[in-house]
Amino acid sequence: MELFEKPVYFIYCAVFLAGTGLLFWLGGKLKRRVTAALFGPRAYARLSGGGDRLKKWKNALFFCGIFFIFAALARPQWGLEIVKAEANFAQAVVAVDVSASMRARDVKPDRLSSAKNMLRMLTSHLKNERIGLIAFTSKAYIQCPITTDEDALKYFISVLQPDMLPAPGTSLAAPVKLAAHMLGKYPGKKALILLTDGEDHTPEELKEAQTAAQKEGIRVIAIGIGTPQGELIPQRTDLSGNVLEYKKDREGKTVVSKLDEKSLASLAAATQGVYIKYTTPSQVAAKVEQAMRDMDRSRSAASARAGYINRYQIPLSLAVLCFALWLGLPFKVKNEKREEKQKKVQ
């Protein structure tokens, strides 16, 4: 622990006091010399009338006051306290499709890699938002709780991989329901940023999920990634990334994954959200930012840390006391014996 947060002020104090003391000394010496030259060697003592004794005390109080001011500026600190920071945040959850179809390469280098590139850019821009991350296939799982920690969010985005979850298939209802649960405790309008090719193997569950999103005030920003014409899904690749085998269904037919824009647009419209067709990371990130501008913000704690308690009030109070005494102390002490002697002479 450092007793003073800014100890450099003691160096400034030493320089200031040395300079001021030198000026006081030179001024006093010059004053005595001029007085002696004009009125004689004993004239100064007679004129001061014993004031030199008080002057020493006044000078001491003045210099002490200056010292305590610099001590306050040095910010003395001891004892610990919990310091909480507050800020205004909008709440959002990002749900990323990690099913096998996200390996398709109709968007270069592939659908999931493109989605991750966009999310890294978006996360850098949304520094003052509270964001969580969901990965989903036919089931949804929380990868990162709702947080303001940009580094943590980027880490969990970087580890997203196709087929990383044990459940196969794709369900749009699953991430919507989980996002509604995560965002339910926050007031106002919230957002679900949904990145997927739109394929849905359980469309009958989507209506219930839409109702849950509407109830919690969640707007779905659906980002469709892929092409309507579709693309084959790589199953195996070599070390250079060349496709060795494409995904086949149970009947042995090669699977073609197509972007289903209609389902995504319908989901976004039902929640007063917006559908965005994936183009480039920068363009999509800008459109998502625009869509989130009217999200409600809530004021809450951004962080908490232990910090030393600032005790500047103590030296500042002592400085005020010193200057008060310095101003209140008279310049001369009344010498009653000397006054009586002068009256008798008169």
Protein backbone atom coordinates (compact mmCIF):
# COMPACT_ATOMS: atom_id res chain seq x y z
CA MET A 1 0.00 0.00 0.00
CA GLU A 2 1.22 3.53 -0.80
CA LEU A 3 0.40 6.04 1.93
CA PHE A 4 0.12 8.84 -0.63
CA GLU A 5 -1.47 8.46 -4.05
CA LYS A 6 0.51 11.38 -5.55
CA PRO A 7 3.71 11.78 -3.48
CA VAL A 8 5.25 13.98 -6.19
CA TYR A 9 3.46 16.93 -4.55
CA PHE A 10 5.93 16.74 -1.67
CA ILE A 11 8.70 17.57 -4.13
CA TYR A 12 6.67 20.56 -5.33
CA CYS A 13 6.14 21.50 -1.67
CA ALA A 14 9.86 21.37 -0.88
CA VAL A 15 10.67 23.58 -3.89
CA PHE A 16 7.91 26.05 -3.01
CA LEU A 17 8.84 26.27 0.68
CA ALA A 18 12.53 26.66 -0.11
CA GLY A 19 11.80 29.47 -2.57
CA THR A 20 9.34 31.19 -0.25
CA GLY A 21 11.69 30.85 2.75
CA LEU A 22 14.53 32.36 0.75
CA LEU A 23 12.33 35.31 -0.24
CA PHE A 24 11.26 35.84 3.38
CA TRP A 25 14.87 35.74 4.58
CA LEU A 26 16.13 38.12 1.89
CA GLY A 27 13.19 40.46 2.50
CA GLY A 28 13.81 40.56 6.26
CA LYS A 29 17.52 41.12 5.80
CA LEU A 30 16.90 43.96 3.36
CA LYS A 31 14.33 45.51 5.71
CA ARG A 32 16.74 45.51 8.66
CA ARG A 33 19.52 46.95 6.54
CA VAL A 34 17.35 49.81 5.24
CA THR A 35 16.00 50.58 8.74
CA ALA A 36 19.51 50.61 10.25
CA ALA A 37 20.76 52.91 7.50
CA LEU A 38 17.90 55.38 7.99
CA PHE A 39 17.41 55.36 11.76
CA GLY A 40 20.48 53.77 13.30
CA PRO A 41 21.48 50.25 14.37
CA ARG A 42 18.98 50.03 17.29
CA ALA A 43 16.07 51.64 15.50
CA TYR A 44 14.59 48.43 14.11
CA ALA A 45 14.28 46.84 17.57
CA ARG A 46 12.55 49.95 18.89
CA LEU A 47 10.19 50.19 15.94
CA SER A 48 9.25 46.51 16.02
CA GLY A 49 8.24 46.80 19.67
CA GLY A 50 8.68 43.09 20.32
CA GLY A 51 6.85 42.15 17.11
CA ASP A 52 9.66 39.84 15.95
CA ARG A 53 8.64 37.18 18.48
CA LEU A 54 5.11 37.00 17.04
CA LYS A 55 6.42 37.25 13.52
CA LYS A 56 8.30 34.01 14.00
CA TRP A 57 5.10 32.28 15.10
CA LYS A 58 3.15 33.77 12.20
CA ASN A 59 5.78 32.62 9.72
CA ALA A 60 5.76 29.14 11.22
CA LEU A 61 1.95 28.95 10.92
CA PHE A 62 2.10 30.21 7.32
CA PHE A 63 4.66 27.59 6.26
CA CYS A 64 2.78 24.84 8.11
CA GLY A 65 -0.40 25.82 6.28
CA ILE A 66 1.40 25.61 2.93
CA PHE A 67 2.82 22.19 3.85
CA PHE A 68 -0.60 20.79 4.78
CA ILE A 69 -2.10 22.06 1.50
CA PHE A 70 0.50 20.11 -0.47
CA ALA A 71 -0.06 17.12 1.82
CA ALA A 72 -3.76 17.21 0.91
CA LEU A 73 -2.87 17.41 -2.80
CA ALA A 74 -0.66 14.34 -2.36
CA ARG A 75 -3.91 12.50 -1.42
CA PRO A 76 -3.08 10.52 1.75
CA GLN A 77 -4.92 7.19 1.79
CA TRP A 78 -5.40 4.29 4.15
CA GLY A 79 -8.16 1.83 4.87
CA LEU A 80 -10.11 -0.05 2.17
CA GLU A 81 -13.55 0.62 0.68
CA ILE A 82 -15.57 -0.98 -2.12
CA VAL A 83 -15.82 1.43 -5.06
CA LYS A 84 -18.76 0.83 -7.39
CA ALA A 85 -19.05 2.33 -10.86
CA GLU A 86 -22.42 2.83 -12.54
CA ALA A 87 -23.36 3.32 -16.18
CA ASN A 88 -26.31 3.13 -18.56
CA PHE A 89 -26.57 -0.10 -20.53
CA ALA A 90 -28.75 -1.59 -23.23
CA GLN A 91 -29.28 -5.33 -22.91
CA ALA A 92 -28.83 -7.82 -25.75
CA VAL A 93 -28.18 -11.51 -26.29
CA VAL A 94 -26.32 -12.85 -29.33
CA ALA A 95 -27.44 -16.32 -30.48
CA VAL A 96 -25.19 -18.08 -32.99
CA ASP A 97 -26.17 -21.15 -35.01
CA VAL A 98 -23.40 -23.77 -34.66
CA SER A 99 -25.14 -26.60 -36.49
CA ALA A 100 -23.38 -28.52 -39.29
CA SER A 101 -24.97 -26.31 -41.97
CA MET A 102 -22.83 -23.36 -40.77
CA ARG A 103 -19.83 -25.08 -42.45
CA ALA A 104 -21.29 -24.22 -45.87
CA ARG A 105 -19.02 -21.99 -47.94
CA ASP A 106 -21.52 -19.91 -49.87
CA VAL A 107 -20.21 -17.06 -47.66
CA LYS A 108 -16.40 -16.96 -47.55
CA PRO A 109 -14.55 -18.48 -45.80
CA ASP A 110 -17.65 -20.21 -44.41
CA ARG A 111 -20.89 -19.18 -42.71
CA LEU A 112 -19.76 -19.52 -39.09
CA SER A 113 -16.35 -17.91 -39.61
CA SER A 114 -18.04 -14.95 -41.31
CA ALA A 115 -20.51 -14.64 -38.43
CA LYS A 116 -17.65 -14.65 -35.90
CA ASN A 117 -15.79 -11.93 -37.81
CA MET A 118 -18.87 -9.74 -37.75
CA LEU A 119 -19.44 -10.37 -34.04
CA ARG A 120 -15.88 -9.40 -33.13
CA MET A 121 -16.36 -6.11 -34.94
CA LEU A 122 -19.79 -5.56 -33.38
CA THR A 123 -18.51 -6.30 -29.87
CA SER A 124 -15.76 -3.71 -30.27
CA HIS A 125 -18.36 -1.10 -31.19
CA LEU A 126 -20.82 -1.99 -28.42
CA LYS A 127 -18.46 -1.32 -25.50
CA ASN A 128 -21.18 0.30 -23.38
CA GLU A 129 -23.76 -2.45 -23.77
CA ARG A 130 -24.50 -5.50 -21.67
CA ILE A 131 -24.33 -8.58 -23.91
CA GLY A 132 -24.65 -12.34 -23.48
CA LEU A 133 -23.85 -15.19 -25.87
CA ILE A 134 -25.84 -18.30 -26.81
CA ALA A 135 -24.77 -21.17 -29.07
CA PHE A 136 -27.57 -23.30 -30.49
CA THR A 137 -28.46 -26.22 -32.70
CA SER A 138 -31.73 -28.01 -31.89
CA LYS A 139 -31.05 -26.93 -28.30
CA ALA A 140 -29.57 -23.68 -26.95
CA TYR A 141 -26.81 -23.30 -24.38
CA ILE A 142 -25.42 -20.22 -22.62
CA GLN A 143 -21.78 -19.68 -23.61
CA CYS A 144 -21.32 -16.34 -21.85
CA PRO A 145 -23.70 -14.77 -19.30
CA ILE A 146 -24.87 -11.20 -19.89
CA THR A 147 -21.83 -9.05 -19.20
CA THR A 148 -19.96 -5.84 -20.04
CA ASP A 149 -16.62 -7.70 -20.25
CA GLU A 150 -15.60 -7.28 -23.90
CA ASP A 151 -12.58 -9.58 -23.61
CA ALA A 152 -14.62 -12.43 -22.14
CA LEU A 153 -17.25 -12.07 -24.84
CA LYS A 154 -14.64 -12.10 -27.63
CA TYR A 155 -13.04 -15.20 -26.15
CA PHE A 156 -16.31 -17.15 -26.15
CA ILE A 157 -17.03 -15.99 -29.70
CA SER A 158 -13.61 -17.24 -30.84
CA VAL A 159 -14.21 -20.80 -29.56
CA LEU A 160 -17.51 -21.29 -31.41
CA GLN A 161 -17.27 -24.27 -33.78
CA PRO A 162 -19.75 -26.18 -35.96
CA ASP A 163 -21.19 -29.24 -34.20
CA MET A 164 -19.68 -28.17 -30.87
CA LEU A 165 -22.95 -29.04 -29.13
CA PRO A 166 -24.18 -32.61 -28.56
CA ALA A 167 -27.65 -32.02 -30.01
CA PRO A 168 -27.92 -32.22 -33.85
CA GLY A 169 -30.37 -30.32 -36.04
CA THR A 170 -31.53 -26.70 -35.78
CA SER A 171 -34.32 -24.98 -33.84
CA LEU A 172 -35.02 -21.24 -33.95
CA ALA A 173 -37.37 -21.54 -30.98
CA ALA A 174 -34.63 -22.78 -28.63
CA PRO A 175 -32.44 -19.64 -28.65
CA VAL A 176 -35.47 -17.33 -28.52
CA LYS A 177 -36.80 -19.05 -25.38
CA LEU A 178 -33.40 -19.06 -23.69
CA ALA A 179 -32.82 -15.38 -24.54
CA ALA A 180 -36.24 -14.52 -23.08
CA HIS A 181 -35.20 -16.26 -19.85
CA MET A 182 -31.82 -14.44 -19.73
CA LEU A 183 -33.26 -10.99 -20.49
CA GLY A 184 -36.43 -11.31 -18.43
CA LYS A 185 -34.97 -9.60 -15.34
CA TYR A 186 -34.10 -6.40 -17.23
CA PRO A 187 -36.69 -3.66 -17.83
CA GLY A 188 -37.65 -2.03 -21.12
CA LYS A 189 -36.81 -3.05 -24.67
CA LYS A 190 -34.13 -5.67 -25.22
CA ALA A 191 -32.60 -7.28 -28.31
CA LEU A 192 -31.85 -10.79 -29.50
CA ILE A 193 -29.26 -10.79 -32.29
CA LEU A 194 -29.82 -14.08 -34.09
CA LEU A 195 -27.18 -15.31 -36.58
CA THR A 196 -28.30 -18.33 -38.57
CA ASP A 197 -29.07 -19.67 -42.03
CA GLY A 198 -32.71 -19.90 -40.97
CA GLU A 199 -33.17 -23.64 -41.29
CA ASP A 200 -35.62 -24.83 -38.66
CA HIS A 201 -36.44 -28.48 -37.92
CA THR A 202 -39.10 -27.61 -35.30
CA PRO A 203 -41.16 -24.78 -36.84
CA GLU A 204 -44.20 -25.76 -34.75
CA GLU A 205 -42.41 -24.45 -31.61
CA LEU A 206 -41.61 -21.03 -33.05
CA LYS A 207 -45.01 -19.47 -32.28
CA GLU A 208 -44.63 -20.13 -28.55
CA ALA A 209 -41.10 -18.70 -28.62
CA GLN A 210 -42.33 -15.54 -30.35
CA THR A 211 -44.92 -15.05 -27.61
CA ALA A 212 -42.23 -15.38 -24.93
CA ALA A 213 -40.08 -12.77 -26.70
CA GLN A 214 -43.03 -10.37 -27.05
CA LYS A 215 -43.90 -10.77 -23.37
CA GLU A 216 -40.35 -9.80 -22.30
CA GLY A 217 -40.12 -6.87 -24.75
CA ILE A 218 -37.42 -8.55 -26.85
CA ARG A 219 -36.87 -7.44 -30.42
CA VAL A 220 -35.27 -10.03 -32.67
CA ILE A 221 -32.56 -8.72 -34.99
CA ALA A 222 -32.33 -11.70 -37.34
CA ILE A 223 -29.22 -11.97 -39.53
CA GLY A 224 -29.57 -14.42 -42.38
CA ILE A 225 -26.22 -15.86 -43.44
CA GLY A 226 -25.93 -17.92 -46.62
CA THR A 227 -27.60 -17.86 -50.04
CA PRO A 228 -31.11 -18.87 -51.14
CA GLN A 229 -29.54 -21.13 -53.80
CA GLY A 230 -27.79 -23.06 -51.06
CA GLU A 231 -24.46 -24.84 -50.76
CA LEU A 232 -23.11 -28.27 -49.93
CA ILE A 233 -21.98 -28.87 -46.35
CA PRO A 234 -18.36 -30.04 -45.94
CA GLN A 235 -18.15 -33.13 -43.74
CA ARG A 236 -14.40 -33.77 -43.85
CA THR A 237 -11.48 -31.62 -44.96
CA ASP A 238 -7.72 -32.07 -45.20
CA LEU A 239 -5.10 -29.96 -43.45
CA SER A 240 -5.19 -27.42 -46.28
CA GLY A 241 -8.96 -27.00 -45.95
CA ASN A 242 -9.83 -28.89 -49.12
CA VAL A 243 -13.14 -30.76 -48.88
CA LEU A 244 -12.76 -34.54 -48.82
CA GLU A 245 -16.39 -35.39 -48.20
CA TYR A 246 -19.76 -33.60 -48.11
CA LYS A 247 -22.54 -34.23 -45.61
CA LYS A 248 -25.17 -36.78 -46.67
CA ASP A 249 -28.61 -37.56 -45.28
CA ARG A 250 -29.83 -40.96 -44.11
CA GLU A 251 -30.69 -41.97 -47.66
CA GLY A 252 -27.17 -41.21 -48.84
CA LYS A 253 -28.06 -38.02 -50.71
CA THR A 254 -25.78 -35.01 -50.49
CA VAL A 255 -27.33 -32.31 -48.29
CA VAL A 256 -27.75 -28.80 -49.66
CA SER A 257 -28.24 -26.07 -47.03
CA LYS A 258 -30.23 -23.04 -48.13
CA LEU A 259 -30.86 -19.70 -46.48
CA ASP A 260 -34.49 -19.45 -45.30
CA GLU A 261 -35.09 -15.70 -45.33
CA LYS A 262 -38.85 -16.03 -45.02
CA SER A 263 -38.74 -17.65 -41.54
CA LEU A 264 -36.21 -15.13 -40.24
CA ALA A 265 -38.10 -12.13 -41.61
CA SER A 266 -41.33 -13.45 -40.10
CA LEU A 267 -39.69 -13.93 -36.68
CA ALA A 268 -38.22 -10.42 -36.74
CA ALA A 269 -41.52 -8.83 -37.82
CA ALA A 270 -43.47 -10.65 -35.08
CA THR A 271 -41.24 -9.05 -32.42
CA GLN A 272 -41.03 -5.58 -34.05
CA GLY A 273 -37.42 -6.33 -34.90
CA VAL A 274 -35.54 -6.26 -38.19
CA TYR A 275 -34.19 -8.78 -40.69
CA ILE A 276 -30.68 -8.21 -42.09
CA LYS A 277 -29.23 -10.13 -45.02
CA TYR A 278 -25.54 -10.86 -44.41
CA THR A 279 -23.22 -9.02 -46.79
CA THR A 280 -19.93 -7.96 -45.20
CA PRO A 281 -18.92 -7.86 -41.50
CA SER A 282 -18.69 -4.05 -41.40
CA GLN A 283 -22.00 -3.46 -43.16
CA VAL A 284 -23.91 -5.92 -40.99
CA ALA A 285 -22.31 -4.60 -37.77
CA ALA A 286 -23.37 -1.05 -38.73
CA LYS A 287 -26.95 -2.16 -39.40
CA VAL A 288 -27.14 -4.00 -36.06
CA GLU A 289 -25.85 -0.91 -34.23
CA GLN A 290 -28.51 1.17 -35.97
CA ALA A 291 -31.22 -1.30 -34.97
CA MET A 292 -30.08 -1.19 -31.33
CA ARG A 293 -30.04 2.58 -30.96
CA ASP A 294 -33.59 2.78 -29.66
CA MET A 295 -33.07 0.06 -27.04
CA ASP A 296 -33.93 1.14 -23.49
CA ARG A 297 -31.01 1.66 -21.16
CA SER A 298 -30.97 0.88 -17.45
CA ARG A 299 -28.56 2.36 -14.92
CA SER A 300 -26.76 -0.23 -12.88
CA ALA A 301 -23.38 -1.21 -11.48
CA ALA A 302 -20.72 -1.62 -14.12
CA SER A 303 -17.94 -2.84 -11.84
CA ALA A 304 -16.83 -3.01 -8.24
CA ARG A 305 -13.32 -2.89 -6.86
CA ALA A 306 -11.52 -2.39 -3.57
CA GLY A 307 -9.84 0.98 -3.20
CA TYR A 308 -8.03 2.92 -0.49
CA ILE A 309 -10.02 5.60 1.32
CA ASN A 310 -8.85 9.13 0.49
CA ARG A 311 -8.01 11.07 3.68
CA TYR A 312 -7.20 14.47 2.16
CA GLN A 313 -9.72 16.14 4.52
CA ILE A 314 -7.33 15.75 7.49
CA PRO A 315 -4.36 17.77 6.16
CA LEU A 316 -6.75 20.22 4.50
CA SER A 317 -8.45 20.89 7.85
CA LEU A 318 -5.04 21.43 9.48
CA ALA A 319 -4.12 23.86 6.70
CA VAL A 320 -7.30 25.88 7.31
CA LEU A 321 -6.57 25.94 11.06
CA CYS A 322 -3.00 27.16 10.49
CA PHE A 323 -4.12 29.96 8.18
CA ALA A 324 -6.89 30.97 10.59
CA LEU A 325 -4.36 31.29 13.44
CA TRP A 326 -1.94 33.07 11.09
CA LEU A 327 -4.60 35.68 10.24
CA GLY A 328 -5.82 36.01 13.84
CA LEU A 329 -2.44 36.45 15.50
CA PRO A 330 -1.52 40.15 15.98
CA PHE A 331 1.68 41.55 14.54
CA LYS A 332 2.86 43.00 17.90
CA VAL A 333 2.59 42.19 21.60
CA LYS A 334 1.63 45.12 23.74
CA ASN A 335 4.60 45.91 26.05
CA GLU A 336 2.93 47.51 29.08
CA LYS A 337 6.21 48.17 30.97
CA ARG A 338 7.66 50.04 28.03
CA GLU A 339 4.48 52.12 27.66
CA GLU A 340 4.57 53.10 31.39
CA LYS A 341 8.22 54.10 31.11
CA GLN A 342 7.49 56.27 28.10
CA LYS A 343 4.60 57.99 29.98
CA LYS A 344 6.86 58.80 32.94
CA VAL A 345 9.47 60.31 30.62
CA GLN A 346 6.76 62.48 29.07
